[in-house]
Every structure is written in structure tokens, then in C-alpha cells.
PDB file of all heavy atoms in Angstrom:
ATOM      1  N   TYR A   1       0.824  -1.143   0.036  1.00  0.00           N
ATOM      2  CA  TYR A   1       0.037  -0.014   0.010  1.00  0.00           C
ATOM      3  C   TYR A   1       0.903   1.249   0.002  1.00  0.00           C
ATOM      4  O   TYR A   1       1.886   1.333   0.765  1.00  0.00           O
ATOM      5  CB  TYR A   1      -0.902  -0.023   1.174  1.00  0.00           C
ATOM      6  CG  TYR A   1      -2.023  -0.949   1.175  1.00  0.00           C
ATOM      7  CD1 TYR A   1      -1.924  -2.204   1.803  1.00  0.00           C
ATOM      8  CD2 TYR A   1      -3.249  -0.765   0.497  1.00  0.00           C
ATOM      9  CE1 TYR A   1      -2.997  -3.063   1.781  1.00  0.00           C
ATOM     10  CE2 TYR A   1      -4.300  -1.620   0.414  1.00  0.00           C
ATOM     11  CZ  TYR A   1      -4.116  -2.839   1.069  1.00  0.00           C
ATOM     12  OH  TYR A   1      -5.220  -3.791   1.060  1.00  0.00           O
ATOM     13  N   PHE A   2       0.548   2.304  -0.802  1.00  0.00           N
ATOM     14  CA  PHE A   2       1.402   3.371  -1.030  1.00  0.00           C
ATOM     15  C   PHE A   2       1.422   4.450   0.134  1.00  0.00           C
ATOM     16  O   PHE A   2       2.484   4.945   0.574  1.00  0.00           O
ATOM     17  CB  PHE A   2       0.979   4.030  -2.355  1.00  0.00           C
ATOM     18  CG  PHE A   2       1.893   5.247  -2.698  1.00  0.00           C
ATOM     19  CD1 PHE A   2       3.221   4.908  -3.096  1.00  0.00           C
ATOM     20  CD2 PHE A   2       1.438   6.541  -2.611  1.00  0.00           C
ATOM     21  CE1 PHE A   2       3.976   6.063  -3.426  1.00  0.00           C
ATOM     22  CE2 PHE A   2       2.293   7.634  -3.013  1.00  0.00           C
ATOM     23  CZ  PHE A   2       3.666   7.309  -3.400  1.00  0.00           C
ATOM     24  N   SER A   3       0.127   4.582   0.671  1.00  0.00           N
ATOM     25  CA  SER A   3       0.105   5.654   1.640  1.00  0.00           C
ATOM     26  C   SER A   3      -0.295   5.205   3.086  1.00  0.00           C
ATOM     27  O   SER A   3      -1.341   4.272   3.114  1.00  0.00           O
ATOM     28  CB  SER A   3      -0.914   6.709   1.361  1.00  0.00           C
ATOM     29  OG  SER A   3      -1.159   7.515   2.411  1.00  0.00           O
ATOM     30  N   ILE A   4       0.352   5.314   4.183  1.00  0.00           N
ATOM     31  CA  ILE A   4       0.122   4.822   5.438  1.00  0.00           C
ATOM     32  C   ILE A   4      -1.279   5.328   5.962  1.00  0.00           C
ATOM     33  O   ILE A   4      -2.145   4.671   6.521  1.00  0.00           O
ATOM     34  CB  ILE A   4       1.176   5.228   6.535  1.00  0.00           C
ATOM     35  CG1 ILE A   4       2.561   4.512   6.049  1.00  0.00           C
ATOM     36  CG2 ILE A   4       0.722   4.731   7.927  1.00  0.00           C
ATOM     37  CD1 ILE A   4       3.739   4.977   6.786  1.00  0.00           C
ATOM     38  N   ASN A   5      -1.528   6.705   5.698  1.00  0.00           N
ATOM     39  CA  ASN A   5      -2.658   7.352   6.248  1.00  0.00           C
ATOM     40  C   ASN A   5      -3.878   6.833   5.480  1.00  0.00           C
ATOM     41  O   ASN A   5      -4.924   6.564   6.067  1.00  0.00           O
ATOM     42  CB  ASN A   5      -2.607   8.846   6.061  1.00  0.00           C
ATOM     43  CG  ASN A   5      -1.629   9.489   7.002  1.00  0.00           C
ATOM     44  OD1 ASN A   5      -1.168   8.822   7.963  1.00  0.00           O
ATOM     45  ND2 ASN A   5      -1.290  10.702   6.816  1.00  0.00           N
ATOM     46  N   ASP A   6      -3.709   6.656   4.135  1.00  0.00           N
ATOM     47  CA  ASP A   6      -4.741   6.122   3.165  1.00  0.00           C
ATOM     48  C   ASP A   6      -5.196   4.675   3.723  1.00  0.00           C
ATOM     49  O   ASP A   6      -6.327   4.457   4.040  1.00  0.00           O
ATOM     50  CB  ASP A   6      -4.144   6.002   1.919  1.00  0.00           C
ATOM     51  CG  ASP A   6      -5.171   6.162   0.765  1.00  0.00           C
ATOM     52  OD1 ASP A   6      -6.359   5.844   1.080  1.00  0.00           O
ATOM     53  OD2 ASP A   6      -4.930   6.474  -0.299  1.00  0.00           O
ATOM     54  N   LEU A   7      -4.187   3.883   3.970  1.00  0.00           N
ATOM     55  CA  LEU A   7      -4.542   2.509   4.540  1.00  0.00           C
ATOM     56  C   LEU A   7      -5.020   2.566   5.912  1.00  0.00           C
ATOM     57  O   LEU A   7      -6.020   1.797   6.194  1.00  0.00           O
ATOM     58  CB  LEU A   7      -3.279   1.644   4.368  1.00  0.00           C
ATOM     59  CG  LEU A   7      -3.358   0.238   4.907  1.00  0.00           C
ATOM     60  CD1 LEU A   7      -4.451  -0.536   4.334  1.00  0.00           C
ATOM     61  CD2 LEU A   7      -1.923  -0.525   4.897  1.00  0.00           C
ATOM     62  N   GLY A   8      -4.518   3.339   6.714  1.00  0.00           N
ATOM     63  CA  GLY A   8      -5.007   3.438   8.230  1.00  0.00           C
ATOM     64  C   GLY A   8      -6.481   3.838   8.194  1.00  0.00           C
ATOM     65  O   GLY A   8      -7.137   3.232   8.990  1.00  0.00           O
ATOM     66  N   PHE A   9      -6.907   4.850   7.440  1.00  0.00           N
ATOM     67  CA  PHE A   9      -8.292   5.262   7.472  1.00  0.00           C
ATOM     68  C   PHE A   9      -9.121   4.006   6.961  1.00  0.00           C
ATOM     69  O   PHE A   9     -10.285   3.795   7.587  1.00  0.00           O
ATOM     70  CB  PHE A   9      -8.489   6.441   6.546  1.00  0.00           C
ATOM     71  CG  PHE A   9     -10.009   6.842   6.415  1.00  0.00           C
ATOM     72  CD1 PHE A   9     -10.598   7.441   7.439  1.00  0.00           C
ATOM     73  CD2 PHE A   9     -10.651   6.530   5.253  1.00  0.00           C
ATOM     74  CE1 PHE A   9     -12.003   7.722   7.330  1.00  0.00           C
ATOM     75  CE2 PHE A   9     -11.960   6.877   5.142  1.00  0.00           C
ATOM     76  CZ  PHE A   9     -12.654   7.518   6.063  1.00  0.00           C
ATOM     77  N   SER A  10      -8.603   3.343   5.861  1.00  0.00           N
ATOM     78  CA  SER A  10      -9.539   2.376   5.298  1.00  0.00           C
ATOM     79  C   SER A  10      -9.638   1.150   6.275  1.00  0.00           C
ATOM     80  O   SER A  10     -10.723   0.724   6.421  1.00  0.00           O
ATOM     81  CB  SER A  10      -8.885   1.878   4.038  1.00  0.00           C
ATOM     82  OG  SER A  10      -8.749   2.941   3.138  1.00  0.00           O
ATOM     83  N   LEU A  11      -8.698   0.932   6.995  1.00  0.00           N
ATOM     84  CA  LEU A  11      -8.741  -0.281   7.905  1.00  0.00           C
ATOM     85  C   LEU A  11      -9.561   0.247   9.236  1.00  0.00           C
ATOM     86  O   LEU A  11     -10.266  -0.701   9.802  1.00  0.00           O
ATOM     87  CB  LEU A  11      -7.235  -0.568   8.447  1.00  0.00           C
ATOM     88  CG  LEU A  11      -6.413  -1.356   7.584  1.00  0.00           C
ATOM     89  CD1 LEU A  11      -4.915  -1.597   8.098  1.00  0.00           C
ATOM     90  CD2 LEU A  11      -7.064  -2.739   7.343  1.00  0.00           C
ATOM     91  N   THR A  12      -9.498   1.545   9.516  1.00  0.00           N
ATOM     92  CA  THR A  12     -10.447   1.913  10.611  1.00  0.00           C
ATOM     93  C   THR A  12     -11.877   1.771  10.207  1.00  0.00           C
ATOM     94  O   THR A  12     -12.697   1.338  11.099  1.00  0.00           O
ATOM     95  CB  THR A  12     -10.201   3.417  10.897  1.00  0.00           C
ATOM     96  OG1 THR A  12      -8.689   3.677  11.392  1.00  0.00           O
ATOM     97  CG2 THR A  12     -11.104   3.977  11.982  1.00  0.00           C
ATOM     98  N   VAL A  13     -12.265   2.155   9.037  1.00  0.00           N
ATOM     99  CA  VAL A  13     -13.668   1.922   8.597  1.00  0.00           C
ATOM    100  C   VAL A  13     -13.950   0.415   8.582  1.00  0.00           C
ATOM    101  O   VAL A  13     -15.106   0.116   8.929  1.00  0.00           O
ATOM    102  CB  VAL A  13     -13.861   2.671   7.228  1.00  0.00           C
ATOM    103  CG1 VAL A  13     -15.207   2.179   6.713  1.00  0.00           C
ATOM    104  CG2 VAL A  13     -13.745   4.186   7.286  1.00  0.00           C
ATOM    105  N   MET A  14     -13.125  -0.262   8.023  1.00  0.00           N
ATOM    106  CA  MET A  14     -13.392  -1.832   7.958  1.00  0.00           C
ATOM    107  C   MET A  14     -13.627  -2.363   9.383  1.00  0.00           C
ATOM    108  O   MET A  14     -14.391  -3.244   9.538  1.00  0.00           O
ATOM    109  CB  MET A  14     -12.208  -2.534   7.209  1.00  0.00           C
ATOM    110  CG  MET A  14     -12.140  -2.189   5.798  1.00  0.00           C
ATOM    111  SD  MET A  14     -13.608  -2.249   4.776  1.00  0.00           S
ATOM    112  CE  MET A  14     -13.863  -0.570   4.363  1.00  0.00           C
ATOM    113  N   MET A  15     -12.664  -1.991  10.288  1.00  0.00           N
ATOM    114  CA  MET A  15     -12.873  -2.423  11.629  1.00  0.00           C
ATOM    115  C   MET A  15     -14.287  -1.919  12.281  1.00  0.00           C
ATOM    116  O   MET A  15     -14.820  -2.756  12.986  1.00  0.00           O
ATOM    117  CB  MET A  15     -11.664  -1.950  12.414  1.00  0.00           C
ATOM    118  CG  MET A  15     -11.560  -2.456  13.930  1.00  0.00           C
ATOM    119  SD  MET A  15     -11.431  -4.240  13.804  1.00  0.00           S
ATOM    120  CE  MET A  15     -11.100  -4.668  15.648  1.00  0.00           C
ATOM    121  N   LEU A  16     -14.511  -0.755  12.118  1.00  0.00           N
ATOM    122  CA  LEU A  16     -15.703  -0.194  12.636  1.00  0.00           C
ATOM    123  C   LEU A  16     -17.003  -0.936  12.093  1.00  0.00           C
ATOM    124  O   LEU A  16     -17.952  -1.285  12.844  1.00  0.00           O
ATOM    125  CB  LEU A  16     -15.858   1.296  12.444  1.00  0.00           C
ATOM    126  CG  LEU A  16     -15.322   2.282  13.517  1.00  0.00           C
ATOM    127  CD1 LEU A  16     -13.907   1.998  13.833  1.00  0.00           C
ATOM    128  CD2 LEU A  16     -15.635   3.692  13.119  1.00  0.00           C
ATOM    129  N   TYR A  17     -16.881  -1.117  10.835  1.00  0.00           N
ATOM    130  CA  TYR A  17     -18.054  -1.943  10.182  1.00  0.00           C
ATOM    131  C   TYR A  17     -18.150  -3.268  10.663  1.00  0.00           C
ATOM    132  O   TYR A  17     -19.241  -3.829  10.973  1.00  0.00           O
ATOM    133  CB  TYR A  17     -17.770  -1.827   8.636  1.00  0.00           C
ATOM    134  CG  TYR A  17     -18.888  -2.803   7.866  1.00  0.00           C
ATOM    135  CD1 TYR A  17     -20.153  -2.251   7.733  1.00  0.00           C
ATOM    136  CD2 TYR A  17     -18.478  -3.813   7.371  1.00  0.00           C
ATOM    137  CE1 TYR A  17     -21.140  -2.998   6.987  1.00  0.00           C
ATOM    138  CE2 TYR A  17     -19.457  -4.604   6.593  1.00  0.00           C
ATOM    139  CZ  TYR A  17     -20.711  -4.198   6.491  1.00  0.00           C
ATOM    140  OH  TYR A  17     -21.715  -4.911   5.775  1.00  0.00           O
ATOM    141  N   SER A  18     -16.990  -3.977  10.777  1.00  0.00           N
ATOM    142  CA  SER A  18     -16.970  -5.318  11.298  1.00  0.00           C
ATOM    143  C   SER A  18     -17.375  -5.534  12.725  1.00  0.00           C
ATOM    144  O   SER A  18     -18.142  -6.346  13.103  1.00  0.00           O
ATOM    145  CB  SER A  18     -15.577  -5.957  11.106  1.00  0.00           C
ATOM    146  OG  SER A  18     -15.156  -5.938   9.863  1.00  0.00           O
ATOM    147  N   LEU A  19     -17.028  -4.534  13.552  1.00  0.00           N
ATOM    148  CA  LEU A  19     -17.445  -4.538  15.005  1.00  0.00           C
ATOM    149  C   LEU A  19     -18.897  -4.283  15.004  1.00  0.00           C
ATOM    150  O   LEU A  19     -19.662  -5.021  15.876  1.00  0.00           O
ATOM    151  CB  LEU A  19     -16.745  -3.438  15.696  1.00  0.00           C
ATOM    152  CG  LEU A  19     -15.462  -3.677  16.254  1.00  0.00           C
ATOM    153  CD1 LEU A  19     -14.657  -2.429  16.714  1.00  0.00           C
ATOM    154  CD2 LEU A  19     -15.129  -4.809  17.108  1.00  0.00           C
ATOM    155  N   TYR A  20     -19.540  -3.400  14.160  1.00  0.00           N
ATOM    156  CA  TYR A  20     -20.964  -3.149  14.238  1.00  0.00           C
ATOM    157  C   TYR A  20     -21.730  -4.465  13.811  1.00  0.00           C
ATOM    158  O   TYR A  20     -22.645  -4.838  14.429  1.00  0.00           O
ATOM    159  CB  TYR A  20     -21.218  -2.008  13.362  1.00  0.00           C
ATOM    160  CG  TYR A  20     -22.808  -1.886  13.286  1.00  0.00           C
ATOM    161  CD1 TYR A  20     -23.504  -1.238  14.366  1.00  0.00           C
ATOM    162  CD2 TYR A  20     -23.535  -2.260  12.143  1.00  0.00           C
ATOM    163  CE1 TYR A  20     -24.824  -1.118  14.360  1.00  0.00           C
ATOM    164  CE2 TYR A  20     -24.974  -2.128  12.066  1.00  0.00           C
ATOM    165  CZ  TYR A  20     -25.493  -1.560  13.130  1.00  0.00           C
ATOM    166  OH  TYR A  20     -26.921  -1.454  13.172  1.00  0.00           O
ATOM    167  N   ARG A  21     -21.253  -5.080  12.712  1.00  0.00           N
ATOM    168  CA  ARG A  21     -21.889  -6.248  12.199  1.00  0.00           C
ATOM    169  C   ARG A  21     -21.821  -7.422  13.311  1.00  0.00           C
ATOM    170  O   ARG A  21     -22.871  -8.106  13.537  1.00  0.00           O
ATOM    171  CB  ARG A  21     -21.403  -6.789  10.988  1.00  0.00           C
ATOM    172  CG  ARG A  21     -21.488  -5.881   9.669  1.00  0.00           C
ATOM    173  CD  ARG A  21     -22.965  -5.550   9.484  1.00  0.00           C
ATOM    174  NE  ARG A  21     -23.712  -6.811   9.043  1.00  0.00           N
ATOM    175  CZ  ARG A  21     -24.094  -7.128   7.858  1.00  0.00           C
ATOM    176  NH1 ARG A  21     -23.865  -6.256   6.841  1.00  0.00           N
ATOM    177  NH2 ARG A  21     -24.739  -8.204   7.659  1.00  0.00           N
ATOM    178  N   LEU A  22     -20.779  -7.505  13.975  1.00  0.00           N
ATOM    179  CA  LEU A  22     -20.514  -8.606  14.989  1.00  0.00           C
ATOM    180  C   LEU A  22     -21.331  -8.307  16.223  1.00  0.00           C
ATOM    181  O   LEU A  22     -21.986  -9.226  16.795  1.00  0.00           O
ATOM    182  CB  LEU A  22     -19.119  -8.689  15.265  1.00  0.00           C
ATOM    183  CG  LEU A  22     -18.726  -9.737  16.447  1.00  0.00           C
ATOM    184  CD1 LEU A  22     -19.207 -11.175  16.050  1.00  0.00           C
ATOM    185  CD2 LEU A  22     -17.211  -9.689  16.657  1.00  0.00           C
ATOM    186  N   ILE A  23     -21.315  -7.088  16.753  1.00  0.00           N
ATOM    187  CA  ILE A  23     -21.861  -6.770  18.104  1.00  0.00           C
ATOM    188  C   ILE A  23     -23.327  -6.490  18.065  1.00  0.00           C
ATOM    189  O   ILE A  23     -24.108  -7.018  18.801  1.00  0.00           O
ATOM    190  CB  ILE A  23     -21.085  -5.568  18.749  1.00  0.00           C
ATOM    191  CG1 ILE A  23     -19.564  -6.065  18.981  1.00  0.00           C
ATOM    192  CG2 ILE A  23     -21.815  -5.184  19.964  1.00  0.00           C
ATOM    193  CD1 ILE A  23     -18.787  -4.768  19.472  1.00  0.00           C
ATOM    194  N   ILE A  24     -23.746  -5.719  17.012  1.00  0.00           N
ATOM    195  CA  ILE A  24     -25.156  -5.254  17.044  1.00  0.00           C
ATOM    196  C   ILE A  24     -25.993  -6.099  16.047  1.00  0.00           C
ATOM    197  O   ILE A  24     -27.155  -6.372  16.442  1.00  0.00           O
ATOM    198  CB  ILE A  24     -25.139  -3.805  16.440  1.00  0.00           C
ATOM    199  CG1 ILE A  24     -24.411  -2.826  17.331  1.00  0.00           C
ATOM    200  CG2 ILE A  24     -26.624  -3.309  16.339  1.00  0.00           C
ATOM    201  CD1 ILE A  24     -24.949  -2.777  18.781  1.00  0.00           C
ATOM    202  N   VAL A  25     -25.579  -6.582  14.951  1.00  0.00           N
ATOM    203  CA  VAL A  25     -26.405  -7.175  14.034  1.00  0.00           C
ATOM    204  C   VAL A  25     -26.427  -8.705  14.166  1.00  0.00           C
ATOM    205  O   VAL A  25     -27.494  -9.282  14.492  1.00  0.00           O
ATOM    206  CB  VAL A  25     -25.845  -6.934  12.516  1.00  0.00           C
ATOM    207  CG1 VAL A  25     -26.745  -7.679  11.513  1.00  0.00           C
ATOM    208  CG2 VAL A  25     -25.797  -5.516  12.254  1.00  0.00           C
ATOM    209  N   GLU A  26     -25.368  -9.367  14.136  1.00  0.00           N
ATOM    210  CA  GLU A  26     -25.412 -10.852  14.233  1.00  0.00           C
ATOM    211  C   GLU A  26     -24.119 -11.350  14.876  1.00  0.00           C
ATOM    212  O   GLU A  26     -23.120 -11.100  14.132  1.00  0.00           O
ATOM    213  CB  GLU A  26     -25.823 -11.417  13.026  1.00  0.00           C
ATOM    214  CG  GLU A  26     -26.027 -12.977  13.029  1.00  0.00           C
ATOM    215  CD  GLU A  26     -26.393 -13.449  11.601  1.00  0.00           C
ATOM    216  OE1 GLU A  26     -26.473 -12.693  10.657  1.00  0.00           O
ATOM    217  OE2 GLU A  26     -26.522 -14.797  11.547  1.00  0.00           O
ATOM    218  N   VAL A  27     -24.059 -12.334  15.713  1.00  0.00           N
ATOM    219  CA  VAL A  27     -22.669 -12.927  16.043  1.00  0.00           C
ATOM    220  C   VAL A  27     -22.641 -14.227  15.279  1.00  0.00           C
ATOM    221  O   VAL A  27     -23.459 -15.118  15.484  1.00  0.00           O
ATOM    222  CB  VAL A  27     -22.769 -13.190  17.613  1.00  0.00           C
ATOM    223  CG1 VAL A  27     -21.540 -14.066  18.009  1.00  0.00           C
ATOM    224  CG2 VAL A  27     -22.830 -12.033  18.407  1.00  0.00           C
ATOM    225  N   ASN A  28     -21.819 -14.179  14.300  1.00  0.00           N
ATOM    226  CA  ASN A  28     -21.451 -15.520  13.595  1.00  0.00           C
ATOM    227  C   ASN A  28     -20.102 -15.487  13.076  1.00  0.00           C
ATOM    228  O   ASN A  28     -19.316 -14.448  13.279  1.00  0.00           O
ATOM    229  CB  ASN A  28     -22.481 -15.543  12.271  1.00  0.00           C
ATOM    230  CG  ASN A  28     -22.233 -14.593  11.316  1.00  0.00           C
ATOM    231  OD1 ASN A  28     -21.187 -13.953  11.084  1.00  0.00           O
ATOM    232  ND2 ASN A  28     -23.203 -14.191  10.509  1.00  0.00           N
ATOM    233  N   LEU A  29     -19.629 -16.661  12.635  1.00  0.00           N
ATOM    234  CA  LEU A  29     -18.147 -16.826  12.217  1.00  0.00           C
ATOM    235  C   LEU A  29     -17.650 -15.786  11.248  1.00  0.00           C
ATOM    236  O   LEU A  29     -16.577 -15.357  11.364  1.00  0.00           O
ATOM    237  CB  LEU A  29     -18.114 -18.158  11.742  1.00  0.00           C
ATOM    238  CG  LEU A  29     -16.559 -18.630  11.342  1.00  0.00           C
ATOM    239  CD1 LEU A  29     -15.736 -18.639  12.583  1.00  0.00           C
ATOM    240  CD2 LEU A  29     -16.557 -20.079  10.768  1.00  0.00           C
ATOM    241  N   LYS A  30     -18.503 -15.372  10.207  1.00  0.00           N
ATOM    242  CA  LYS A  30     -18.100 -14.478   9.282  1.00  0.00           C
ATOM    243  C   LYS A  30     -17.581 -13.123   9.856  1.00  0.00           C
ATOM    244  O   LYS A  30     -16.407 -12.641   9.640  1.00  0.00           O
ATOM    245  CB  LYS A  30     -19.147 -14.135   8.287  1.00  0.00           C
ATOM    246  CG  LYS A  30     -18.918 -13.164   7.169  1.00  0.00           C
ATOM    247  CD  LYS A  30     -20.058 -12.873   6.339  1.00  0.00           C
ATOM    248  CE  LYS A  30     -19.838 -11.728   5.451  1.00  0.00           C
ATOM    249  NZ  LYS A  30     -21.057 -11.436   4.470  1.00  0.00           N
ATOM    250  N   TYR A  31     -18.374 -12.619  10.840  1.00  0.00           N
ATOM    251  CA  TYR A  31     -18.036 -11.390  11.341  1.00  0.00           C
ATOM    252  C   TYR A  31     -16.916 -11.438  12.449  1.00  0.00           C
ATOM    253  O   TYR A  31     -16.202 -10.446  12.712  1.00  0.00           O
ATOM    254  CB  TYR A  31     -19.332 -10.688  11.974  1.00  0.00           C
ATOM    255  CG  TYR A  31     -20.419 -10.504  11.003  1.00  0.00           C
ATOM    256  CD1 TYR A  31     -21.758 -10.968  11.276  1.00  0.00           C
ATOM    257  CD2 TYR A  31     -20.140 -10.065   9.621  1.00  0.00           C
ATOM    258  CE1 TYR A  31     -22.744 -10.794  10.296  1.00  0.00           C
ATOM    259  CE2 TYR A  31     -21.165  -9.930   8.785  1.00  0.00           C
ATOM    260  CZ  TYR A  31     -22.393 -10.329   9.057  1.00  0.00           C
ATOM    261  OH  TYR A  31     -23.430 -10.179   8.095  1.00  0.00           O
ATOM    262  N   VAL A  32     -16.915 -12.637  13.146  1.00  0.00           N
ATOM    263  CA  VAL A  32     -15.756 -12.852  13.999  1.00  0.00           C
ATOM    264  C   VAL A  32     -14.474 -12.786  13.307  1.00  0.00           C
ATOM    265  O   VAL A  32     -13.475 -12.204  13.738  1.00  0.00           O
ATOM    266  CB  VAL A  32     -15.908 -14.194  14.765  1.00  0.00           C
ATOM    267  CG1 VAL A  32     -14.597 -14.574  15.384  1.00  0.00           C
ATOM    268  CG2 VAL A  32     -17.070 -14.158  15.668  1.00  0.00           C
ATOM    269  N   LEU A  33     -14.450 -13.520  12.069  1.00  0.00           N
ATOM    270  CA  LEU A  33     -13.201 -13.535  11.215  1.00  0.00           C
ATOM    271  C   LEU A  33     -12.896 -12.110  10.677  1.00  0.00           C
ATOM    272  O   LEU A  33     -11.678 -11.737  10.715  1.00  0.00           O
ATOM    273  CB  LEU A  33     -13.367 -14.503  10.067  1.00  0.00           C
ATOM    274  CG  LEU A  33     -13.355 -15.941  10.395  1.00  0.00           C
ATOM    275  CD1 LEU A  33     -13.687 -16.896   9.273  1.00  0.00           C
ATOM    276  CD2 LEU A  33     -12.112 -16.495  11.174  1.00  0.00           C
ATOM    277  N   ALA A  34     -13.964 -11.452  10.280  1.00  0.00           N
ATOM    278  CA  ALA A  34     -13.613 -10.007   9.709  1.00  0.00           C
ATOM    279  C   ALA A  34     -12.976  -9.206  10.899  1.00  0.00           C
ATOM    280  O   ALA A  34     -12.068  -8.371  10.644  1.00  0.00           O
ATOM    281  CB  ALA A  34     -14.982  -9.434   9.312  1.00  0.00           C
ATOM    282  N   THR A  35     -13.616  -9.225  12.081  1.00  0.00           N
ATOM    283  CA  THR A  35     -13.005  -8.432  13.144  1.00  0.00           C
ATOM    284  C   THR A  35     -11.664  -8.857  13.371  1.00  0.00           C
ATOM    285  O   THR A  35     -10.692  -8.041  13.675  1.00  0.00           O
ATOM    286  CB  THR A  35     -13.918  -8.673  14.388  1.00  0.00           C
ATOM    287  OG1 THR A  35     -15.280  -8.227  14.155  1.00  0.00           O
ATOM    288  CG2 THR A  35     -13.383  -7.819  15.440  1.00  0.00           C
ATOM    289  N   ALA A  36     -11.363 -10.147  13.500  1.00  0.00           N
ATOM    290  CA  ALA A  36     -10.071 -10.632  13.785  1.00  0.00           C
ATOM    291  C   ALA A  36      -9.018 -10.194  12.648  1.00  0.00           C
ATOM    292  O   ALA A  36      -7.930  -9.723  12.998  1.00  0.00           O
ATOM    293  CB  ALA A  36     -10.017 -12.111  13.781  1.00  0.00           C
ATOM    294  N   VAL A  37      -9.285 -10.418  11.385  1.00  0.00           N
ATOM    295  CA  VAL A  37      -8.330 -10.069  10.352  1.00  0.00           C
ATOM    296  C   VAL A  37      -8.120  -8.516  10.377  1.00  0.00           C
ATOM    297  O   VAL A  37      -6.973  -8.105  10.106  1.00  0.00           O
ATOM    298  CB  VAL A  37      -8.705 -10.552   8.980  1.00  0.00           C
ATOM    299  CG1 VAL A  37      -8.791 -12.008   8.828  1.00  0.00           C
ATOM    300  CG2 VAL A  37      -9.987  -9.942   8.645  1.00  0.00           C
ATOM    301  N   ASN A  38      -9.084  -7.726  10.683  1.00  0.00           N
ATOM    302  CA  ASN A  38      -8.788  -6.164  10.776  1.00  0.00           C
ATOM    303  C   ASN A  38      -7.982  -5.921  11.964  1.00  0.00           C
ATOM    304  O   ASN A  38      -7.154  -4.968  11.883  1.00  0.00           O
ATOM    305  CB  ASN A  38     -10.229  -5.510  10.720  1.00  0.00           C
ATOM    306  CG  ASN A  38     -10.754  -5.344   9.354  1.00  0.00           C
ATOM    307  OD1 ASN A  38     -10.271  -4.563   8.531  1.00  0.00           O
ATOM    308  ND2 ASN A  38     -11.713  -6.180   9.034  1.00  0.00           N
ATOM    309  N   PHE A  39      -8.231  -6.479  13.223  1.00  0.00           N
ATOM    310  CA  PHE A  39      -7.381  -6.311  14.282  1.00  0.00           C
ATOM    311  C   PHE A  39      -5.937  -6.628  13.920  1.00  0.00           C
ATOM    312  O   PHE A  39      -5.035  -5.850  14.312  1.00  0.00           O
ATOM    313  CB  PHE A  39      -7.937  -7.133  15.452  1.00  0.00           C
ATOM    314  CG  PHE A  39      -7.159  -6.946  16.712  1.00  0.00           C
ATOM    315  CD1 PHE A  39      -7.299  -5.879  17.498  1.00  0.00           C
ATOM    316  CD2 PHE A  39      -6.081  -7.847  17.055  1.00  0.00           C
ATOM    317  CE1 PHE A  39      -6.503  -5.695  18.689  1.00  0.00           C
ATOM    318  CE2 PHE A  39      -5.286  -7.713  18.121  1.00  0.00           C
ATOM    319  CZ  PHE A  39      -5.576  -6.641  19.053  1.00  0.00           C
ATOM    320  N   ILE A  40      -5.791  -7.858  13.358  1.00  0.00           N
ATOM    321  CA  ILE A  40      -4.334  -8.156  13.070  1.00  0.00           C
ATOM    322  C   ILE A  40      -3.729  -7.316  12.196  1.00  0.00           C
ATOM    323  O   ILE A  40      -2.453  -6.819  12.296  1.00  0.00           O
ATOM    324  CB  ILE A  40      -4.382  -9.645  12.382  1.00  0.00           C
ATOM    325  CG1 ILE A  40      -4.769 -10.600  13.425  1.00  0.00           C
ATOM    326  CG2 ILE A  40      -2.973  -9.966  11.785  1.00  0.00           C
ATOM    327  CD1 ILE A  40      -5.038 -12.077  12.897  1.00  0.00           C
ATOM    328  N   ALA A  41      -4.457  -6.765  11.053  1.00  0.00           N
ATOM    329  CA  ALA A  41      -3.871  -5.795  10.154  1.00  0.00           C
ATOM    330  C   ALA A  41      -3.599  -4.528  10.727  1.00  0.00           C
ATOM    331  O   ALA A  41      -2.519  -3.813  10.471  1.00  0.00           O
ATOM    332  CB  ALA A  41      -4.940  -5.616   8.945  1.00  0.00           C
ATOM    333  N   ILE A  42      -4.402  -4.109  11.676  1.00  0.00           N
ATOM    334  CA  ILE A  42      -4.163  -2.751  12.347  1.00  0.00           C
ATOM    335  C   ILE A  42      -2.916  -2.943  13.293  1.00  0.00           C
ATOM    336  O   ILE A  42      -2.046  -1.920  13.416  1.00  0.00           O
ATOM    337  CB  ILE A  42      -5.351  -2.387  13.325  1.00  0.00           C
ATOM    338  CG1 ILE A  42      -6.503  -1.916  12.365  1.00  0.00           C
ATOM    339  CG2 ILE A  42      -4.960  -1.395  14.357  1.00  0.00           C
ATOM    340  CD1 ILE A  42      -7.829  -1.665  13.110  1.00  0.00           C
ATOM    341  N   ILE A  43      -2.773  -4.007  13.931  1.00  0.00           N
ATOM    342  CA  ILE A  43      -1.439  -4.231  14.623  1.00  0.00           C
ATOM    343  C   ILE A  43      -0.186  -4.271  13.819  1.00  0.00           C
ATOM    344  O   ILE A  43       0.826  -3.677  14.110  1.00  0.00           O
ATOM    345  CB  ILE A  43      -1.596  -5.519  15.548  1.00  0.00           C
ATOM    346  CG1 ILE A  43      -2.750  -5.414  16.551  1.00  0.00           C
ATOM    347  CG2 ILE A  43      -0.160  -5.768  16.315  1.00  0.00           C
ATOM    348  CD1 ILE A  43      -2.589  -4.241  17.530  1.00  0.00           C
ATOM    349  N   ILE A  44      -0.415  -4.885  12.616  1.00  0.00           N
ATOM    350  CA  ILE A  44       0.743  -4.987  11.625  1.00  0.00           C
ATOM    351  C   ILE A  44       1.139  -3.520  11.146  1.00  0.00           C
ATOM    352  O   ILE A  44       2.219  -3.131  11.009  1.00  0.00           O
ATOM    353  CB  ILE A  44       0.293  -5.909  10.442  1.00  0.00           C
ATOM    354  CG1 ILE A  44       0.341  -7.312  10.936  1.00  0.00           C
ATOM    355  CG2 ILE A  44       1.325  -5.661   9.295  1.00  0.00           C
ATOM    356  CD1 ILE A  44      -0.165  -8.299   9.843  1.00  0.00           C
ATOM    357  N   LEU A  45       0.030  -2.744  10.866  1.00  0.00           N
ATOM    358  CA  LEU A  45       0.278  -1.416  10.315  1.00  0.00           C
ATOM    359  C   LEU A  45       0.826  -0.483  11.387  1.00  0.00           C
ATOM    360  O   LEU A  45       1.727   0.313  11.134  1.00  0.00           O
ATOM    361  CB  LEU A  45      -0.923  -0.806   9.832  1.00  0.00           C
ATOM    362  CG  LEU A  45      -0.897   0.569   9.209  1.00  0.00           C
ATOM    363  CD1 LEU A  45      -0.028   0.617   7.906  1.00  0.00           C
ATOM    364  CD2 LEU A  45      -2.275   1.108   8.845  1.00  0.00           C
TER     365      LEU A  45
END
């Protein structure tokens, strides 16, 4: 990825969306995995 800020903002939105789907909408494996991979990516970045 070319820009750190660009990627950082995108990961922030993906994490917020994944958390919302997991916590508010439905607890299932898909949203657990989405939250997990975004958390790992945020730590890597």
C-alpha cells in the first residue's frame, strides 16, 4: 500500500463496520473472522 494514512483510514472503517456487524447485527463466524483479520492488520500497520 502506497500511503500509510490512506490504508490506516480504510482499516479503521473496515474495523468499525466489522465490529458493528458482529456486536449489533449478528454474532456469527463471518463477522468474528472479519473483526479478527482487521485487528491483526491494524497491529501490523
